[in-house]
Amino acid sequence: MCRNIHTLHNFEPAATDDEVHAAALQFVRKISGSTKPSNANAEAFNRAVEEIAHISRHLLEDLVSTAPPKNREIEADKAKARSAKRFAAA
């Protein structure tokens, strides 16, 4: 499940709220072992996602980097190349 969590720090433009929320959702899914909580656990699950997204946004705002910001398209191309190489070798 966590393979879907991508690095969000040091990109231009900065990570969107949707990206931060998606990462928080994947994290909570992994921790809870559930992709969709039962009705009894839905409130706790959703609260955890919102709280983790909130604190993640603060973390991203506070992190400092001396490296130049990464380009999303270039990083996506690199990931595709790694994936193609990995699955071609199998």
PDB file of N, CA and C in Angstrom:
ATOM      1  N   MET A   1       0.815  -1.205   0.000  1.00  0.00           N
ATOM      2  CA  MET A   1       0.000   0.000   0.000  1.00  0.00           C
ATOM      3  C   MET A   1       0.858   1.269   0.000  1.00  0.00           C
ATOM      4  N   CYS A   2       1.935   1.299   0.770  1.00  0.00           N
ATOM      5  CA  CYS A   2       2.704   2.536   0.917  1.00  0.00           C
ATOM      6  C   CYS A   2       3.532   2.886  -0.308  1.00  0.00           C
ATOM      7  N   ARG A   3       3.580   2.033  -1.294  1.00  0.00           N
ATOM      8  CA  ARG A   3       4.298   2.399  -2.511  1.00  0.00           C
ATOM      9  C   ARG A   3       3.680   3.629  -3.150  1.00  0.00           C
ATOM     10  N   ASN A   4       2.451   3.930  -2.806  1.00  0.00           N
ATOM     11  CA  ASN A   4       1.765   5.082  -3.385  1.00  0.00           C
ATOM     12  C   ASN A   4       2.089   6.387  -2.677  1.00  0.00           C
ATOM     13  N   ILE A   5       2.838   6.325  -1.582  1.00  0.00           N
ATOM     14  CA  ILE A   5       3.233   7.553  -0.901  1.00  0.00           C
ATOM     15  C   ILE A   5       4.507   8.043  -1.581  1.00  0.00           C
ATOM     16  N   HIS A   6       4.447   9.234  -2.116  1.00  0.00           N
ATOM     17  CA  HIS A   6       5.581   9.807  -2.826  1.00  0.00           C
ATOM     18  C   HIS A   6       6.202  10.922  -2.007  1.00  0.00           C
ATOM     19  N   THR A   7       7.477  11.181  -2.267  1.00  0.00           N
ATOM     20  CA  THR A   7       8.147  12.310  -1.633  1.00  0.00           C
ATOM     21  C   THR A   7       7.425  13.592  -2.034  1.00  0.00           C
ATOM     22  N   LEU A   8       7.146  14.428  -1.058  1.00  0.00           N
ATOM     23  CA  LEU A   8       6.426  15.671  -1.314  1.00  0.00           C
ATOM     24  C   LEU A   8       7.279  16.909  -1.055  1.00  0.00           C
ATOM     25  N   HIS A   9       8.430  16.722  -0.452  1.00  0.00           N
ATOM     26  CA  HIS A   9       9.284  17.850  -0.079  1.00  0.00           C
ATOM     27  C   HIS A   9      10.177  18.291  -1.236  1.00  0.00           C
ATOM     28  N   ASN A  10      10.372  19.574  -1.331  1.00  0.00           N
ATOM     29  CA  ASN A  10      11.323  20.203  -2.252  1.00  0.00           C
ATOM     30  C   ASN A  10      10.929  20.030  -3.719  1.00  0.00           C
ATOM     31  N   PHE A  11       9.668  20.244  -4.014  1.00  0.00           N
ATOM     32  CA  PHE A  11       9.197  20.252  -5.394  1.00  0.00           C
ATOM     33  C   PHE A  11       8.698  21.645  -5.738  1.00  0.00           C
ATOM     34  N   GLU A  12       8.807  21.986  -6.990  1.00  0.00           N
ATOM     35  CA  GLU A  12       8.267  23.245  -7.479  1.00  0.00           C
ATOM     36  C   GLU A  12       7.285  22.917  -8.590  1.00  0.00           C
ATOM     37  N   PRO A  13       6.025  23.238  -8.468  1.00  0.00           N
ATOM     38  CA  PRO A  13       5.388  23.889  -7.329  1.00  0.00           C
ATOM     39  C   PRO A  13       5.281  22.951  -6.128  1.00  0.00           C
ATOM     40  N   ALA A  14       5.031  23.544  -4.984  1.00  0.00           N
ATOM     41  CA  ALA A  14       4.936  22.777  -3.735  1.00  0.00           C
ATOM     42  C   ALA A  14       3.784  21.782  -3.790  1.00  0.00           C
ATOM     43  N   ALA A  15       3.860  20.795  -2.910  1.00  0.00           N
ATOM     44  CA  ALA A  15       2.809  19.771  -2.835  1.00  0.00           C
ATOM     45  C   ALA A  15       1.451  20.421  -2.579  1.00  0.00           C
ATOM     46  N   THR A  16       0.450  19.898  -3.243  1.00  0.00           N
ATOM     47  CA  THR A  16      -0.912  20.411  -3.061  1.00  0.00           C
ATOM     48  C   THR A  16      -1.548  19.765  -1.830  1.00  0.00           C
ATOM     49  N   ASP A  17      -2.635  20.345  -1.377  1.00  0.00           N
ATOM     50  CA  ASP A  17      -3.373  19.756  -0.254  1.00  0.00           C
ATOM     51  C   ASP A  17      -3.876  18.366  -0.616  1.00  0.00           C
ATOM     52  N   ASP A  18      -4.268  18.169  -1.871  1.00  0.00           N
ATOM     53  CA  ASP A  18      -4.727  16.848  -2.315  1.00  0.00           C
ATOM     54  C   ASP A  18      -3.611  15.811  -2.221  1.00  0.00           C
ATOM     55  N   GLU A  19      -2.392  16.188  -2.598  1.00  0.00           N
ATOM     56  CA  GLU A  19      -1.262  15.262  -2.509  1.00  0.00           C
ATOM     57  C   GLU A  19      -0.941  14.911  -1.061  1.00  0.00           C
ATOM     58  N   VAL A  20      -0.987  15.903  -0.190  1.00  0.00           N
ATOM     59  CA  VAL A  20      -0.717  15.660   1.225  1.00  0.00           C
ATOM     60  C   VAL A  20      -1.810  14.765   1.806  1.00  0.00           C
ATOM     61  N   HIS A  21      -3.054  15.026   1.458  1.00  0.00           N
ATOM     62  CA  HIS A  21      -4.172  14.212   1.941  1.00  0.00           C
ATOM     63  C   HIS A  21      -4.052  12.769   1.439  1.00  0.00           C
ATOM     64  N   ALA A  22      -3.688  12.594   0.169  1.00  0.00           N
ATOM     65  CA  ALA A  22      -3.539  11.246  -0.392  1.00  0.00           C
ATOM     66  C   ALA A  22      -2.435  10.471   0.332  1.00  0.00           C
ATOM     67  N   ALA A  23      -1.334  11.136   0.649  1.00  0.00           N
ATOM     68  CA  ALA A  23      -0.247  10.484   1.379  1.00  0.00           C
ATOM     69  C   ALA A  23      -0.702  10.104   2.791  1.00  0.00           C
ATOM     70  N   ALA A  24      -1.442  10.998   3.441  1.00  0.00           N
ATOM     71  CA  ALA A  24      -1.954  10.710   4.785  1.00  0.00           C
ATOM     72  C   ALA A  24      -2.918   9.530   4.751  1.00  0.00           C
ATOM     73  N   LEU A  25      -3.773   9.495   3.747  1.00  0.00           N
ATOM     74  CA  LEU A  25      -4.721   8.392   3.599  1.00  0.00           C
ATOM     75  C   LEU A  25      -3.982   7.065   3.418  1.00  0.00           C
ATOM     76  N   GLN A  26      -2.964   7.038   2.577  1.00  0.00           N
ATOM     77  CA  GLN A  26      -2.192   5.815   2.371  1.00  0.00           C
ATOM     78  C   GLN A  26      -1.505   5.383   3.661  1.00  0.00           C
ATOM     79  N   PHE A  27      -0.984   6.347   4.412  1.00  0.00           N
ATOM     80  CA  PHE A  27      -0.321   6.040   5.673  1.00  0.00           C
ATOM     81  C   PHE A  27      -1.301   5.409   6.664  1.00  0.00           C
ATOM     82  N   VAL A  28      -2.471   6.004   6.807  1.00  0.00           N
ATOM     83  CA  VAL A  28      -3.474   5.470   7.737  1.00  0.00           C
ATOM     84  C   VAL A  28      -3.955   4.099   7.272  1.00  0.00           C
ATOM     85  N   ARG A  29      -4.116   3.915   5.987  1.00  0.00           N
ATOM     86  CA  ARG A  29      -4.500   2.597   5.471  1.00  0.00           C
ATOM     87  C   ARG A  29      -3.455   1.548   5.845  1.00  0.00           C
ATOM     88  N   LYS A  30      -2.187   1.891   5.705  1.00  0.00           N
ATOM     89  CA  LYS A  30      -1.115   0.949   6.017  1.00  0.00           C
ATOM     90  C   LYS A  30      -1.098   0.639   7.513  1.00  0.00           C
ATOM     91  N   ILE A  31      -1.167   1.662   8.333  1.00  0.00           N
ATOM     92  CA  ILE A  31      -1.125   1.480   9.789  1.00  0.00           C
ATOM     93  C   ILE A  31      -2.322   0.674  10.273  1.00  0.00           C
ATOM     94  N   SER A  32      -3.499   0.973   9.743  1.00  0.00           N
ATOM     95  CA  SER A  32      -4.717   0.302  10.214  1.00  0.00           C
ATOM     96  C   SER A  32      -4.907  -1.071   9.581  1.00  0.00           C
ATOM     97  N   GLY A  33      -4.241  -1.320   8.456  1.00  0.00           N
ATOM     98  CA  GLY A  33      -4.425  -2.586   7.764  1.00  0.00           C
ATOM     99  C   GLY A  33      -5.742  -2.661   7.020  1.00  0.00           C
ATOM    100  N   SER A  34      -6.339  -1.508   6.764  1.00  0.00           N
ATOM    101  CA  SER A  34      -7.660  -1.469   6.140  1.00  0.00           C
ATOM    102  C   SER A  34      -7.704  -0.375   5.086  1.00  0.00           C
ATOM    103  N   THR A  35      -8.224  -0.709   3.917  1.00  0.00           N
ATOM    104  CA  THR A  35      -8.380   0.324   2.888  1.00  0.00           C
ATOM    105  C   THR A  35      -9.684   1.095   3.059  1.00  0.00           C
ATOM    106  N   LYS A  36     -10.663   0.458   3.682  1.00  0.00           N
ATOM    107  CA  LYS A  36     -11.944   1.106   3.956  1.00  0.00           C
ATOM    108  C   LYS A  36     -12.392   0.636   5.339  1.00  0.00           C
ATOM    109  N   PRO A  37     -12.454   1.554   6.289  1.00  0.00           N
ATOM    110  CA  PRO A  37     -12.811   1.142   7.645  1.00  0.00           C
ATOM    111  C   PRO A  37     -14.278   0.763   7.768  1.00  0.00           C
ATOM    112  N   SER A  38     -14.565  -0.021   8.787  1.00  0.00           N
ATOM    113  CA  SER A  38     -15.962  -0.348   9.084  1.00  0.00           C
ATOM    114  C   SER A  38     -16.660   0.912   9.579  1.00  0.00           C
ATOM    115  N   ASN A  39     -17.970   0.873   9.616  1.00  0.00           N
ATOM    116  CA  ASN A  39     -18.722   2.029  10.119  1.00  0.00           C
ATOM    117  C   ASN A  39     -18.318   2.372  11.550  1.00  0.00           C
ATOM    118  N   ALA A  40     -18.000   1.355  12.343  1.00  0.00           N
ATOM    119  CA  ALA A  40     -17.608   1.586  13.733  1.00  0.00           C
ATOM    120  C   ALA A  40     -16.277   2.335  13.833  1.00  0.00           C
ATOM    121  N   ASN A  41     -15.407   2.155  12.832  1.00  0.00           N
ATOM    122  CA  ASN A  41     -14.082   2.773  12.877  1.00  0.00           C
ATOM    123  C   ASN A  41     -13.917   3.961  11.940  1.00  0.00           C
ATOM    124  N   ALA A  42     -14.939   4.292  11.182  1.00  0.00           N
ATOM    125  CA  ALA A  42     -14.830   5.340  10.171  1.00  0.00           C
ATOM    126  C   ALA A  42     -14.449   6.693  10.763  1.00  0.00           C
ATOM    127  N   GLU A  43     -15.041   7.063  11.879  1.00  0.00           N
ATOM    128  CA  GLU A  43     -14.746   8.367  12.475  1.00  0.00           C
ATOM    129  C   GLU A  43     -13.287   8.458  12.903  1.00  0.00           C
ATOM    130  N   ALA A  44     -12.782   7.429  13.575  1.00  0.00           N
ATOM    131  CA  ALA A  44     -11.386   7.424  14.020  1.00  0.00           C
ATOM    132  C   ALA A  44     -10.445   7.420  12.813  1.00  0.00           C
ATOM    133  N   PHE A  45     -10.779   6.641  11.803  1.00  0.00           N
ATOM    134  CA  PHE A  45      -9.968   6.551  10.585  1.00  0.00           C
ATOM    135  C   PHE A  45      -9.886   7.918   9.907  1.00  0.00           C
ATOM    136  N   ASN A  46     -11.029   8.541   9.690  1.00  0.00           N
ATOM    137  CA  ASN A  46     -11.068   9.843   9.008  1.00  0.00           C
ATOM    138  C   ASN A  46     -10.381  10.929   9.827  1.00  0.00           C
ATOM    139  N   ARG A  47     -10.543  10.882  11.138  1.00  0.00           N
ATOM    140  CA  ARG A  47      -9.874  11.859  12.008  1.00  0.00           C
ATOM    141  C   ARG A  47      -8.360  11.696  11.901  1.00  0.00           C
ATOM    142  N   ALA A  48      -7.886  10.445  11.890  1.00  0.00           N
ATOM    143  CA  ALA A  48      -6.448  10.187  11.766  1.00  0.00           C
ATOM    144  C   ALA A  48      -5.918  10.732  10.444  1.00  0.00           C
ATOM    145  N   VAL A  49      -6.650  10.520   9.362  1.00  0.00           N
ATOM    146  CA  VAL A  49      -6.218  11.033   8.056  1.00  0.00           C
ATOM    147  C   VAL A  49      -6.097  12.544   8.105  1.00  0.00           C
ATOM    148  N   GLU A  50      -7.094  13.220   8.646  1.00  0.00           N
ATOM    149  CA  GLU A  50      -7.072  14.685   8.703  1.00  0.00           C
ATOM    150  C   GLU A  50      -5.937  15.197   9.585  1.00  0.00           C
ATOM    151  N   GLU A  51      -5.721  14.561  10.739  1.00  0.00           N
ATOM    152  CA  GLU A  51      -4.657  15.004  11.640  1.00  0.00           C
ATOM    153  C   GLU A  51      -3.271  14.778  11.026  1.00  0.00           C
ATOM    154  N   ILE A  52      -3.078  13.656  10.382  1.00  0.00           N
ATOM    155  CA  ILE A  52      -1.787  13.373   9.754  1.00  0.00           C
ATOM    156  C   ILE A  52      -1.560  14.313   8.575  1.00  0.00           C
ATOM    157  N   ALA A  53      -2.589  14.589   7.802  1.00  0.00           N
ATOM    158  CA  ALA A  53      -2.459  15.543   6.696  1.00  0.00           C
ATOM    159  C   ALA A  53      -2.096  16.924   7.232  1.00  0.00           C
ATOM    160  N   HIS A  54      -2.716  17.316   8.324  1.00  0.00           N
ATOM    161  CA  HIS A  54      -2.459  18.634   8.923  1.00  0.00           C
ATOM    162  C   HIS A  54      -1.009  18.743   9.387  1.00  0.00           C
ATOM    163  N   ILE A  55      -0.543  17.762  10.135  1.00  0.00           N
ATOM    164  CA  ILE A  55       0.827  17.830  10.652  1.00  0.00           C
ATOM    165  C   ILE A  55       1.838  17.651   9.526  1.00  0.00           C
ATOM    166  N   SER A  56       1.481  16.901   8.491  1.00  0.00           N
ATOM    167  CA  SER A  56       2.373  16.741   7.340  1.00  0.00           C
ATOM    168  C   SER A  56       2.546  18.062   6.604  1.00  0.00           C
ATOM    169  N   ARG A  57       1.460  18.813   6.483  1.00  0.00           N
ATOM    170  CA  ARG A  57       1.532  20.131   5.847  1.00  0.00           C
ATOM    171  C   ARG A  57       2.482  21.036   6.641  1.00  0.00           C
ATOM    172  N   HIS A  58       2.379  21.004   7.971  1.00  0.00           N
ATOM    173  CA  HIS A  58       3.293  21.801   8.802  1.00  0.00           C
ATOM    174  C   HIS A  58       4.738  21.349   8.598  1.00  0.00           C
ATOM    175  N   LEU A  59       4.963  20.054   8.547  1.00  0.00           N
ATOM    176  CA  LEU A  59       6.305  19.540   8.327  1.00  0.00           C
ATOM    177  C   LEU A  59       6.861  20.042   6.998  1.00  0.00           C
ATOM    178  N   LEU A  60       6.085  19.929   5.934  1.00  0.00           N
ATOM    179  CA  LEU A  60       6.547  20.371   4.625  1.00  0.00           C
ATOM    180  C   LEU A  60       6.841  21.873   4.602  1.00  0.00           C
ATOM    181  N   GLU A  61       6.058  22.650   5.321  1.00  0.00           N
ATOM    182  CA  GLU A  61       6.280  24.096   5.383  1.00  0.00           C
ATOM    183  C   GLU A  61       7.552  24.442   6.148  1.00  0.00           C
ATOM    184  N   ASP A  62       7.898  23.621   7.155  1.00  0.00           N
ATOM    185  CA  ASP A  62       9.036  23.916   8.014  1.00  0.00           C
ATOM    186  C   ASP A  62      10.359  23.345   7.526  1.00  0.00           C
ATOM    187  N   LEU A  63      10.324  22.337   6.661  1.00  0.00           N
ATOM    188  CA  LEU A  63      11.562  21.737   6.172  1.00  0.00           C
ATOM    189  C   LEU A  63      12.340  22.731   5.322  1.00  0.00           C
ATOM    190  N   VAL A  64      13.665  22.666   5.436  1.00  0.00           N
ATOM    191  CA  VAL A  64      14.551  23.542   4.684  1.00  0.00           C
ATOM    192  C   VAL A  64      15.461  22.671   3.837  1.00  0.00           C
ATOM    193  N   SER A  65      15.738  23.109   2.628  1.00  0.00           N
ATOM    194  CA  SER A  65      16.639  22.369   1.753  1.00  0.00           C
ATOM    195  C   SER A  65      17.557  23.340   1.030  1.00  0.00           C
ATOM    196  N   THR A  66      18.820  22.942   0.898  1.00  0.00           N
ATOM    197  CA  THR A  66      19.756  23.753   0.119  1.00  0.00           C
ATOM    198  C   THR A  66      19.793  23.281  -1.332  1.00  0.00           C
ATOM    199  N   ALA A  67      19.190  22.131  -1.598  1.00  0.00           N
ATOM    200  CA  ALA A  67      19.142  21.595  -2.961  1.00  0.00           C
ATOM    201  C   ALA A  67      18.105  22.363  -3.772  1.00  0.00           C
ATOM    202  N   PRO A  68      18.334  22.477  -5.062  1.00  0.00           N
ATOM    203  CA  PRO A  68      17.326  23.148  -5.890  1.00  0.00           C
ATOM    204  C   PRO A  68      16.045  22.310  -5.931  1.00  0.00           C
ATOM    205  N   PRO A  69      14.883  22.956  -6.071  1.00  0.00           N
ATOM    206  CA  PRO A  69      13.621  22.212  -6.128  1.00  0.00           C
ATOM    207  C   PRO A  69      13.618  21.226  -7.296  1.00  0.00           C
ATOM    208  N   LYS A  70      12.962  20.091  -7.068  1.00  0.00           N
ATOM    209  CA  LYS A  70      12.859  19.059  -8.100  1.00  0.00           C
ATOM    210  C   LYS A  70      11.709  19.401  -9.050  1.00  0.00           C
ATOM    211  N   ASN A  71      11.848  18.912 -10.264  1.00  0.00           N
ATOM    212  CA  ASN A  71      10.821  19.081 -11.274  1.00  0.00           C
ATOM    213  C   ASN A  71       9.961  17.824 -11.300  1.00  0.00           C
ATOM    214  N   ARG A  72       8.672  17.961 -11.177  1.00  0.00           N
ATOM    215  CA  ARG A  72       7.768  16.802 -11.111  1.00  0.00           C
ATOM    216  C   ARG A  72       7.838  15.928 -12.359  1.00  0.00           C
ATOM    217  N   GLU A  73       7.900  16.544 -13.530  1.00  0.00           N
ATOM    218  CA  GLU A  73       7.926  15.755 -14.758  1.00  0.00           C
ATOM    219  C   GLU A  73       9.216  14.958 -14.888  1.00  0.00           C
ATOM    220  N   ILE A  74      10.329  15.564 -14.540  1.00  0.00           N
ATOM    221  CA  ILE A  74      11.610  14.866 -14.609  1.00  0.00           C
ATOM    222  C   ILE A  74      11.631  13.702 -13.622  1.00  0.00           C
ATOM    223  N   GLU A  75      11.142  13.934 -12.410  1.00  0.00           N
ATOM    224  CA  GLU A  75      11.100  12.864 -11.402  1.00  0.00           C
ATOM    225  C   GLU A  75      10.163  11.739 -11.829  1.00  0.00           C
ATOM    226  N   ALA A  76       9.045  12.082 -12.462  1.00  0.00           N
ATOM    227  CA  ALA A  76       8.115  11.055 -12.952  1.00  0.00           C
ATOM    228  C   ALA A  76       8.764  10.231 -14.058  1.00  0.00           C
ATOM    229  N   ASP A  77       9.507  10.895 -14.941  1.00  0.00           N
ATOM    230  CA  ASP A  77      10.214  10.165 -16.001  1.00  0.00           C
ATOM    231  C   ASP A  77      11.259   9.222 -15.421  1.00  0.00           C
ATOM    232  N   LYS A  78      11.973   9.671 -14.392  1.00  0.00           N
ATOM    233  CA  LYS A  78      12.966   8.813 -13.734  1.00  0.00           C
ATOM    234  C   LYS A  78      12.292   7.588 -13.112  1.00  0.00           C
ATOM    235  N   ALA A  79      11.150   7.810 -12.475  1.00  0.00           N
ATOM    236  CA  ALA A  79      10.423   6.699 -11.846  1.00  0.00           C
ATOM    237  C   ALA A  79       9.942   5.704 -12.893  1.00  0.00           C
ATOM    238  N   LYS A  80       9.467   6.190 -14.032  1.00  0.00           N
ATOM    239  CA  LYS A  80       9.023   5.306 -15.109  1.00  0.00           C
ATOM    240  C   LYS A  80      10.188   4.485 -15.646  1.00  0.00           C
ATOM    241  N   ALA A  81      11.344   5.116 -15.780  1.00  0.00           N
ATOM    242  CA  ALA A  81      12.526   4.405 -16.274  1.00  0.00           C
ATOM    243  C   ALA A  81      12.959   3.324 -15.284  1.00  0.00           C
ATOM    244  N   ARG A  82      12.938   3.647 -13.987  1.00  0.00           N
ATOM    245  CA  ARG A  82      13.287   2.641 -12.967  1.00  0.00           C
ATOM    246  C   ARG A  82      12.309   1.480 -13.008  1.00  0.00           C
ATOM    247  N   SER A  83      11.041   1.791 -13.151  1.00  0.00           N
ATOM    248  CA  SER A  83      10.013   0.752 -13.188  1.00  0.00           C
ATOM    249  C   SER A  83      10.183  -0.139 -14.416  1.00  0.00           C
ATOM    250  N   ALA A  84      10.417   0.478 -15.557  1.00  0.00           N
ATOM    251  CA  ALA A  84      10.603  -0.292 -16.784  1.00  0.00           C
ATOM    252  C   ALA A  84      11.808  -1.214 -16.663  1.00  0.00           C
ATOM    253  N   LYS A  85      12.889  -0.706 -16.080  1.00  0.00           N
ATOM    254  CA  LYS A  85      14.096  -1.508 -15.904  1.00  0.00           C
ATOM    255  C   LYS A  85      13.831  -2.662 -14.931  1.00  0.00           C
ATOM    256  N   ARG A  86      13.142  -2.368 -13.847  1.00  0.00           N
ATOM    257  CA  ARG A  86      12.862  -3.386 -12.825  1.00  0.00           C
ATOM    258  C   ARG A  86      11.967  -4.492 -13.384  1.00  0.00           C
ATOM    259  N   PHE A  87      10.935  -4.143 -14.119  1.00  0.00           N
ATOM    260  CA  PHE A  87      10.009  -5.151 -14.617  1.00  0.00           C
ATOM    261  C   PHE A  87      10.507  -5.837 -15.892  1.00  0.00           C
ATOM    262  N   ALA A  88      11.414  -5.199 -16.615  1.00  0.00           N
ATOM    263  CA  ALA A  88      12.006  -5.831 -17.785  1.00  0.00           C
ATOM    264  C   ALA A  88      12.973  -6.933 -17.363  1.00  0.00           C
ATOM    265  N   ALA A  89      13.596  -6.765 -16.204  1.00  0.00           N
ATOM    266  CA  ALA A  89      14.561  -7.753 -15.702  1.00  0.00           C
ATOM    267  C   ALA A  89      13.875  -8.971 -15.121  1.00  0.00           C
ATOM    268  N   ALA A  90      12.602  -8.881 -14.813  1.00  0.00           N
ATOM    269  CA  ALA A  90      11.894  -9.992 -14.173  1.00  0.00           C
ATOM    270  C   ALA A  90      11.537 -11.090 -15.104  1.00  0.00           C
TER     271      ALA A  90
END
